[in-house]
Amino acid sequence: MTYQMGWAGTGSMLVMQVYSLRRRVRALRALGSMRAWLDLHVFLGLQGFVLVAYHSVGLSPHASLAAINFALVAVVVTTGAIGRYLYALIPRARRSATAASRIAALDVVDRVFSRWIVLHRPLAMVLLAITVLHVVAHFAYAV
């Protein structure tokens, strides 16, 4: 059953990447608001994390490919949660401030997001590569 949990978690994390397509492809604008897509992205990411955590129960604490993979999943989910929190702060900062402080707040948020995305996206790409290696190694060396 743990293998199925791993596959389901991986599938959830792959499907959540449709959010990135929705952000960039104009033809997909009719398929819902960005807020709804972001909520789906967050939900699928958390669901994937929980499924991968169940898959990883009993994992050896030694530095193995599987342990590194799970640690990277945890880091990517954590950075995603931080980004979602920052994203939620933006509307409140706009409503509760004067025009000058709104501009300053948006400048700060823009700088934070630009640094956050430099961390979150590459980690997600590394996670994808490590996950592929994990699956290939499992099938290559499984007894």
N, C-alpha and C. Protein backbone atom coordinates (compact mmCIF):
# COMPACT_ATOMS: atom_id res chain seq x y z
N MET A 1 0.81 -1.20 0.00
CA MET A 1 0.00 0.00 0.00
C MET A 1 0.86 1.27 0.00
N THR A 2 2.07 1.17 0.57
CA THR A 2 2.90 2.37 0.63
C THR A 2 3.36 2.81 -0.76
N TYR A 3 3.53 1.86 -1.68
CA TYR A 3 3.91 2.25 -3.03
C TYR A 3 2.80 3.05 -3.71
N GLN A 4 1.56 2.61 -3.50
CA GLN A 4 0.43 3.33 -4.09
C GLN A 4 0.34 4.75 -3.52
N MET A 5 0.65 4.91 -2.23
CA MET A 5 0.65 6.23 -1.62
C MET A 5 1.72 7.11 -2.29
N GLY A 6 2.87 6.54 -2.54
CA GLY A 6 3.94 7.28 -3.21
C GLY A 6 3.54 7.71 -4.61
N TRP A 7 2.93 6.80 -5.36
CA TRP A 7 2.47 7.14 -6.71
C TRP A 7 1.37 8.20 -6.67
N ALA A 8 0.44 8.05 -5.74
CA ALA A 8 -0.65 9.04 -5.63
C ALA A 8 -0.10 10.41 -5.25
N GLY A 9 0.84 10.45 -4.33
CA GLY A 9 1.45 11.71 -3.93
C GLY A 9 2.21 12.36 -5.07
N THR A 10 2.95 11.55 -5.81
CA THR A 10 3.67 12.06 -6.97
C THR A 10 2.70 12.58 -8.02
N GLY A 11 1.62 11.84 -8.25
CA GLY A 11 0.60 12.27 -9.21
C GLY A 11 -0.03 13.59 -8.80
N SER A 12 -0.33 13.72 -7.52
CA SER A 12 -0.91 14.96 -7.01
C SER A 12 0.03 16.14 -7.25
N MET A 13 1.31 15.92 -7.00
CA MET A 13 2.28 17.00 -7.18
C MET A 13 2.52 17.32 -8.65
N LEU A 14 2.34 16.34 -9.52
CA LEU A 14 2.46 16.62 -10.95
C LEU A 14 1.25 17.39 -11.46
N VAL A 15 0.05 16.98 -11.04
CA VAL A 15 -1.17 17.66 -11.48
C VAL A 15 -1.19 19.10 -11.00
N MET A 16 -0.65 19.36 -9.83
CA MET A 16 -0.68 20.73 -9.31
C MET A 16 0.13 21.69 -10.17
N GLN A 17 0.99 21.17 -11.03
CA GLN A 17 1.79 22.02 -11.90
C GLN A 17 0.97 22.65 -13.03
N VAL A 18 -0.26 22.20 -13.20
CA VAL A 18 -1.15 22.82 -14.19
C VAL A 18 -1.37 24.29 -13.83
N TYR A 19 -1.26 24.61 -12.55
CA TYR A 19 -1.36 26.01 -12.11
C TYR A 19 -0.35 26.89 -12.84
N SER A 20 0.86 26.39 -13.00
CA SER A 20 1.89 27.16 -13.70
C SER A 20 1.51 27.40 -15.16
N LEU A 21 0.91 26.39 -15.78
CA LEU A 21 0.43 26.57 -17.15
C LEU A 21 -0.69 27.61 -17.20
N ARG A 22 -1.61 27.52 -16.25
CA ARG A 22 -2.74 28.46 -16.21
C ARG A 22 -2.24 29.90 -16.09
N ARG A 23 -1.18 30.11 -15.33
CA ARG A 23 -0.63 31.45 -15.16
C ARG A 23 -0.04 32.00 -16.45
N ARG A 24 0.47 31.13 -17.31
CA ARG A 24 1.22 31.59 -18.47
C ARG A 24 0.46 31.51 -19.80
N VAL A 25 -0.54 30.66 -19.89
CA VAL A 25 -1.25 30.45 -21.15
C VAL A 25 -2.56 31.22 -21.14
N ARG A 26 -2.65 32.21 -21.99
CA ARG A 26 -3.84 33.07 -22.03
C ARG A 26 -5.10 32.31 -22.41
N ALA A 27 -4.97 31.30 -23.22
CA ALA A 27 -6.14 30.53 -23.66
C ALA A 27 -6.84 29.82 -22.50
N LEU A 28 -6.14 29.65 -21.39
CA LEU A 28 -6.72 28.96 -20.23
C LEU A 28 -7.43 29.91 -19.27
N ARG A 29 -7.48 31.19 -19.58
CA ARG A 29 -8.10 32.16 -18.67
C ARG A 29 -9.57 31.87 -18.40
N ALA A 30 -10.25 31.29 -19.35
CA ALA A 30 -11.67 31.00 -19.18
C ALA A 30 -11.92 29.84 -18.21
N LEU A 31 -10.88 29.18 -17.78
CA LEU A 31 -11.03 28.01 -16.92
C LEU A 31 -11.02 28.32 -15.43
N GLY A 32 -11.30 29.56 -15.06
CA GLY A 32 -11.39 29.90 -13.65
C GLY A 32 -10.41 30.98 -13.25
N SER A 33 -10.62 31.48 -12.04
CA SER A 33 -9.79 32.56 -11.53
C SER A 33 -8.43 32.03 -11.06
N MET A 34 -7.46 32.93 -11.04
CA MET A 34 -6.13 32.55 -10.54
C MET A 34 -6.19 32.16 -9.07
N ARG A 35 -7.05 32.81 -8.32
CA ARG A 35 -7.18 32.47 -6.89
C ARG A 35 -7.64 31.02 -6.71
N ALA A 36 -8.62 30.60 -7.51
CA ALA A 36 -9.10 29.22 -7.43
C ALA A 36 -8.00 28.25 -7.84
N TRP A 37 -7.24 28.60 -8.89
CA TRP A 37 -6.15 27.74 -9.33
C TRP A 37 -5.04 27.67 -8.27
N LEU A 38 -4.76 28.79 -7.62
CA LEU A 38 -3.76 28.78 -6.56
C LEU A 38 -4.23 27.91 -5.39
N ASP A 39 -5.50 28.03 -5.04
CA ASP A 39 -6.04 27.20 -3.97
C ASP A 39 -5.92 25.71 -4.31
N LEU A 40 -6.22 25.36 -5.58
CA LEU A 40 -6.08 23.97 -6.02
C LEU A 40 -4.61 23.54 -5.95
N HIS A 41 -3.71 24.41 -6.39
CA HIS A 41 -2.28 24.13 -6.35
C HIS A 41 -1.82 23.83 -4.92
N VAL A 42 -2.26 24.67 -3.98
CA VAL A 42 -1.89 24.49 -2.57
C VAL A 42 -2.49 23.20 -2.03
N PHE A 43 -3.76 22.95 -2.32
CA PHE A 43 -4.41 21.73 -1.84
C PHE A 43 -3.70 20.48 -2.36
N LEU A 44 -3.43 20.45 -3.67
CA LEU A 44 -2.77 19.28 -4.24
C LEU A 44 -1.35 19.11 -3.69
N GLY A 45 -0.67 20.22 -3.43
CA GLY A 45 0.67 20.13 -2.85
C GLY A 45 0.64 19.55 -1.45
N LEU A 46 -0.30 20.02 -0.64
CA LEU A 46 -0.42 19.47 0.73
C LEU A 46 -0.88 18.02 0.71
N GLN A 47 -1.82 17.72 -0.18
CA GLN A 47 -2.27 16.32 -0.31
C GLN A 47 -1.11 15.43 -0.74
N GLY A 48 -0.33 15.90 -1.71
CA GLY A 48 0.83 15.13 -2.16
C GLY A 48 1.82 14.92 -1.03
N PHE A 49 2.04 15.94 -0.23
CA PHE A 49 2.97 15.82 0.90
C PHE A 49 2.49 14.76 1.89
N VAL A 50 1.20 14.79 2.23
CA VAL A 50 0.66 13.80 3.18
C VAL A 50 0.81 12.39 2.61
N LEU A 51 0.48 12.22 1.34
CA LEU A 51 0.60 10.89 0.73
C LEU A 51 2.05 10.42 0.69
N VAL A 52 2.96 11.31 0.35
CA VAL A 52 4.38 10.95 0.32
C VAL A 52 4.89 10.66 1.74
N ALA A 53 4.36 11.38 2.73
CA ALA A 53 4.76 11.11 4.12
C ALA A 53 4.33 9.70 4.52
N TYR A 54 3.10 9.31 4.17
CA TYR A 54 2.66 7.94 4.46
C TYR A 54 3.52 6.93 3.70
N HIS A 55 3.87 7.26 2.48
CA HIS A 55 4.74 6.39 1.69
C HIS A 55 6.10 6.21 2.36
N SER A 56 6.55 7.25 3.04
CA SER A 56 7.89 7.26 3.62
C SER A 56 7.96 6.72 5.04
N VAL A 57 6.84 6.31 5.60
CA VAL A 57 6.84 5.77 6.97
C VAL A 57 7.81 4.59 7.02
N GLY A 58 8.65 4.61 8.03
CA GLY A 58 9.63 3.53 8.18
C GLY A 58 10.90 3.77 7.38
N LEU A 59 11.01 4.95 6.80
CA LEU A 59 12.18 5.30 6.02
C LEU A 59 13.40 5.36 6.94
N SER A 60 14.49 4.83 6.48
CA SER A 60 15.73 4.87 7.25
C SER A 60 16.20 6.31 7.40
N PRO A 61 16.67 6.68 8.60
CA PRO A 61 17.15 8.05 8.79
C PRO A 61 18.50 8.31 8.12
N HIS A 62 19.12 7.28 7.57
CA HIS A 62 20.40 7.47 6.90
C HIS A 62 20.20 8.23 5.60
N ALA A 63 21.25 8.90 5.16
CA ALA A 63 21.18 9.71 3.94
C ALA A 63 21.09 8.80 2.73
N SER A 64 19.88 8.48 2.34
CA SER A 64 19.64 7.69 1.14
C SER A 64 18.90 8.56 0.15
N LEU A 65 18.78 8.09 -1.06
CA LEU A 65 18.06 8.85 -2.08
C LEU A 65 16.62 9.08 -1.65
N ALA A 66 16.00 8.08 -1.04
CA ALA A 66 14.62 8.22 -0.59
C ALA A 66 14.50 9.26 0.53
N ALA A 67 15.44 9.25 1.46
CA ALA A 67 15.41 10.22 2.56
C ALA A 67 15.63 11.64 2.04
N ILE A 68 16.56 11.78 1.11
CA ILE A 68 16.81 13.10 0.51
C ILE A 68 15.57 13.57 -0.25
N ASN A 69 14.94 12.65 -0.96
CA ASN A 69 13.73 12.98 -1.70
C ASN A 69 12.63 13.48 -0.77
N PHE A 70 12.41 12.78 0.33
CA PHE A 70 11.36 13.19 1.26
C PHE A 70 11.71 14.53 1.91
N ALA A 71 12.96 14.73 2.27
CA ALA A 71 13.37 16.00 2.87
C ALA A 71 13.14 17.15 1.88
N LEU A 72 13.43 16.92 0.62
CA LEU A 72 13.21 17.94 -0.39
C LEU A 72 11.72 18.23 -0.58
N VAL A 73 10.90 17.19 -0.53
CA VAL A 73 9.44 17.39 -0.58
C VAL A 73 9.02 18.31 0.56
N ALA A 74 9.52 18.05 1.75
CA ALA A 74 9.16 18.87 2.91
C ALA A 74 9.61 20.32 2.73
N VAL A 75 10.80 20.53 2.18
CA VAL A 75 11.30 21.89 1.97
C VAL A 75 10.46 22.63 0.92
N VAL A 76 10.13 21.95 -0.18
CA VAL A 76 9.34 22.59 -1.23
C VAL A 76 7.94 22.92 -0.72
N VAL A 77 7.33 22.03 0.04
CA VAL A 77 6.00 22.30 0.60
C VAL A 77 6.09 23.47 1.59
N THR A 78 7.13 23.50 2.39
CA THR A 78 7.29 24.60 3.35
C THR A 78 7.47 25.94 2.64
N THR A 79 8.32 25.98 1.61
CA THR A 79 8.49 27.23 0.89
C THR A 79 7.20 27.63 0.17
N GLY A 80 6.45 26.64 -0.29
CA GLY A 80 5.16 26.94 -0.91
C GLY A 80 4.17 27.52 0.09
N ALA A 81 4.15 26.98 1.29
CA ALA A 81 3.26 27.50 2.32
C ALA A 81 3.64 28.93 2.70
N ILE A 82 4.92 29.20 2.76
CA ILE A 82 5.38 30.56 3.06
C ILE A 82 4.95 31.51 1.95
N GLY A 83 5.11 31.08 0.71
CA GLY A 83 4.69 31.91 -0.42
C GLY A 83 3.19 32.18 -0.42
N ARG A 84 2.42 31.18 -0.07
CA ARG A 84 0.96 31.35 0.00
C ARG A 84 0.60 32.33 1.10
N TYR A 85 1.30 32.26 2.21
CA TYR A 85 1.08 33.20 3.31
C TYR A 85 1.40 34.62 2.87
N LEU A 86 2.53 34.80 2.19
CA LEU A 86 2.91 36.12 1.70
C LEU A 86 1.88 36.64 0.69
N TYR A 87 1.42 35.75 -0.18
CA TYR A 87 0.41 36.12 -1.18
C TYR A 87 -0.87 36.60 -0.50
N ALA A 88 -1.23 35.97 0.60
CA ALA A 88 -2.46 36.35 1.31
C ALA A 88 -2.31 37.71 2.00
N LEU A 89 -1.10 38.12 2.30
CA LEU A 89 -0.88 39.41 2.95
C LEU A 89 -1.08 40.60 2.01
N ILE A 90 -0.89 40.39 0.73
CA ILE A 90 -0.93 41.50 -0.22
C ILE A 90 -2.25 42.26 -0.19
N PRO A 91 -3.41 41.61 -0.30
CA PRO A 91 -4.66 42.39 -0.30
C PRO A 91 -4.86 43.18 0.98
N ARG A 92 -4.52 42.62 2.13
CA ARG A 92 -4.68 43.33 3.39
C ARG A 92 -3.79 44.56 3.44
N ALA A 93 -2.58 44.45 2.93
CA ALA A 93 -1.66 45.59 2.93
C ALA A 93 -2.20 46.71 2.03
N ARG A 94 -2.87 46.33 0.94
CA ARG A 94 -3.41 47.34 0.03
C ARG A 94 -4.59 48.08 0.64
N ARG A 95 -5.45 47.38 1.37
CA ARG A 95 -6.65 47.99 1.93
C ARG A 95 -6.37 48.87 3.13
N SER A 96 -5.39 48.51 3.92
CA SER A 96 -5.20 49.18 5.20
C SER A 96 -4.12 50.26 5.18
N ALA A 97 -3.80 50.77 4.03
CA ALA A 97 -2.70 51.73 3.99
C ALA A 97 -3.05 52.94 3.12
N THR A 98 -2.31 54.01 3.35
CA THR A 98 -2.44 55.19 2.50
C THR A 98 -1.76 54.90 1.17
N ALA A 99 -1.95 55.78 0.20
CA ALA A 99 -1.39 55.55 -1.14
C ALA A 99 0.13 55.40 -1.10
N ALA A 100 0.80 56.27 -0.36
CA ALA A 100 2.27 56.21 -0.29
C ALA A 100 2.74 54.93 0.39
N SER A 101 2.08 54.55 1.46
CA SER A 101 2.51 53.33 2.15
C SER A 101 2.12 52.09 1.36
N ARG A 102 1.06 52.16 0.57
CA ARG A 102 0.70 51.03 -0.31
C ARG A 102 1.80 50.78 -1.33
N ILE A 103 2.29 51.86 -1.91
CA ILE A 103 3.35 51.72 -2.91
C ILE A 103 4.60 51.13 -2.26
N ALA A 104 4.95 51.60 -1.09
CA ALA A 104 6.12 51.07 -0.37
C ALA A 104 5.91 49.60 -0.02
N ALA A 105 4.69 49.27 0.44
CA ALA A 105 4.40 47.88 0.81
C ALA A 105 4.46 46.97 -0.40
N LEU A 106 3.92 47.42 -1.53
CA LEU A 106 3.96 46.61 -2.74
C LEU A 106 5.39 46.44 -3.24
N ASP A 107 6.23 47.45 -3.06
CA ASP A 107 7.63 47.34 -3.44
C ASP A 107 8.32 46.27 -2.60
N VAL A 108 8.06 46.27 -1.31
CA VAL A 108 8.64 45.26 -0.41
C VAL A 108 8.15 43.87 -0.79
N VAL A 109 6.84 43.75 -1.01
CA VAL A 109 6.26 42.45 -1.37
C VAL A 109 6.87 41.97 -2.68
N ASP A 110 7.03 42.87 -3.65
CA ASP A 110 7.62 42.50 -4.93
C ASP A 110 9.02 41.97 -4.75
N ARG A 111 9.82 42.63 -3.91
CA ARG A 111 11.19 42.16 -3.67
C ARG A 111 11.19 40.80 -2.95
N VAL A 112 10.30 40.63 -1.99
CA VAL A 112 10.23 39.35 -1.27
C VAL A 112 9.82 38.23 -2.21
N PHE A 113 8.78 38.49 -3.03
CA PHE A 113 8.33 37.47 -3.98
C PHE A 113 9.40 37.12 -5.00
N SER A 114 10.13 38.10 -5.46
CA SER A 114 11.17 37.81 -6.45
C SER A 114 12.24 36.91 -5.83
N ARG A 115 12.55 37.12 -4.57
CA ARG A 115 13.53 36.24 -3.89
C ARG A 115 12.92 34.89 -3.57
N TRP A 116 11.66 34.88 -3.18
CA TRP A 116 10.99 33.62 -2.84
C TRP A 116 10.91 32.71 -4.05
N ILE A 117 10.53 33.26 -5.20
CA ILE A 117 10.36 32.44 -6.39
C ILE A 117 11.70 31.88 -6.87
N VAL A 118 12.78 32.62 -6.60
CA VAL A 118 14.13 32.13 -6.95
C VAL A 118 14.47 30.90 -6.11
N LEU A 119 13.89 30.76 -4.97
CA LEU A 119 14.10 29.60 -4.12
C LEU A 119 13.11 28.47 -4.44
N HIS A 120 11.84 28.79 -4.52
CA HIS A 120 10.79 27.77 -4.65
C HIS A 120 10.84 27.03 -6.00
N ARG A 121 10.94 27.74 -7.09
CA ARG A 121 10.93 27.08 -8.41
C ARG A 121 12.12 26.16 -8.63
N PRO A 122 13.35 26.60 -8.38
CA PRO A 122 14.47 25.67 -8.58
C PRO A 122 14.40 24.45 -7.66
N LEU A 123 13.94 24.66 -6.42
CA LEU A 123 13.79 23.51 -5.52
C LEU A 123 12.78 22.53 -6.07
N ALA A 124 11.71 23.03 -6.67
CA ALA A 124 10.71 22.15 -7.26
C ALA A 124 11.30 21.37 -8.43
N MET A 125 12.16 22.00 -9.21
CA MET A 125 12.82 21.30 -10.33
C MET A 125 13.79 20.23 -9.82
N VAL A 126 14.54 20.57 -8.77
CA VAL A 126 15.44 19.58 -8.17
C VAL A 126 14.63 18.43 -7.59
N LEU A 127 13.50 18.75 -6.97
CA LEU A 127 12.63 17.71 -6.43
C LEU A 127 12.16 16.77 -7.54
N LEU A 128 11.78 17.31 -8.68
CA LEU A 128 11.36 16.48 -9.80
C LEU A 128 12.49 15.55 -10.23
N ALA A 129 13.70 16.08 -10.35
CA ALA A 129 14.84 15.25 -10.76
C ALA A 129 15.14 14.16 -9.74
N ILE A 130 15.13 14.51 -8.46
CA ILE A 130 15.40 13.51 -7.41
C ILE A 130 14.30 12.46 -7.38
N THR A 131 13.07 12.87 -7.59
CA THR A 131 11.96 11.91 -7.60
C THR A 131 12.11 10.92 -8.76
N VAL A 132 12.48 11.43 -9.93
CA VAL A 132 12.71 10.54 -11.07
C VAL A 132 13.84 9.57 -10.75
N LEU A 133 14.93 10.06 -10.16
CA LEU A 133 16.03 9.18 -9.77
C LEU A 133 15.57 8.14 -8.75
N HIS A 134 14.76 8.56 -7.81
CA HIS A 134 14.24 7.65 -6.77
C HIS A 134 13.43 6.52 -7.41
N VAL A 135 12.56 6.85 -8.34
CA VAL A 135 11.73 5.84 -9.00
C VAL A 135 12.58 4.92 -9.86
N VAL A 136 13.52 5.49 -10.62
CA VAL A 136 14.40 4.68 -11.47
C VAL A 136 15.25 3.75 -10.60
N ALA A 137 15.80 4.28 -9.52
CA ALA A 137 16.62 3.45 -8.63
C ALA A 137 15.80 2.33 -8.00
N HIS A 138 14.55 2.63 -7.65
CA HIS A 138 13.71 1.60 -7.07
C HIS A 138 13.52 0.43 -8.05
N PHE A 139 13.19 0.76 -9.28
CA PHE A 139 12.96 -0.31 -10.25
C PHE A 139 14.24 -0.99 -10.68
N ALA A 140 15.37 -0.27 -10.66
CA ALA A 140 16.64 -0.85 -11.05
C ALA A 140 17.21 -1.77 -9.99
N TYR A 141 16.98 -1.42 -8.71
CA TYR A 141 17.61 -2.17 -7.62
C TYR A 141 16.66 -2.91 -6.71
N ALA A 142 15.36 -2.88 -7.01
CA ALA A 142 14.38 -3.58 -6.18
C ALA A 142 14.60 -5.07 -6.27
N VAL A 143 14.45 -5.69 -5.14
CA VAL A 143 14.65 -7.15 -5.08
C VAL A 143 13.33 -7.83 -5.10
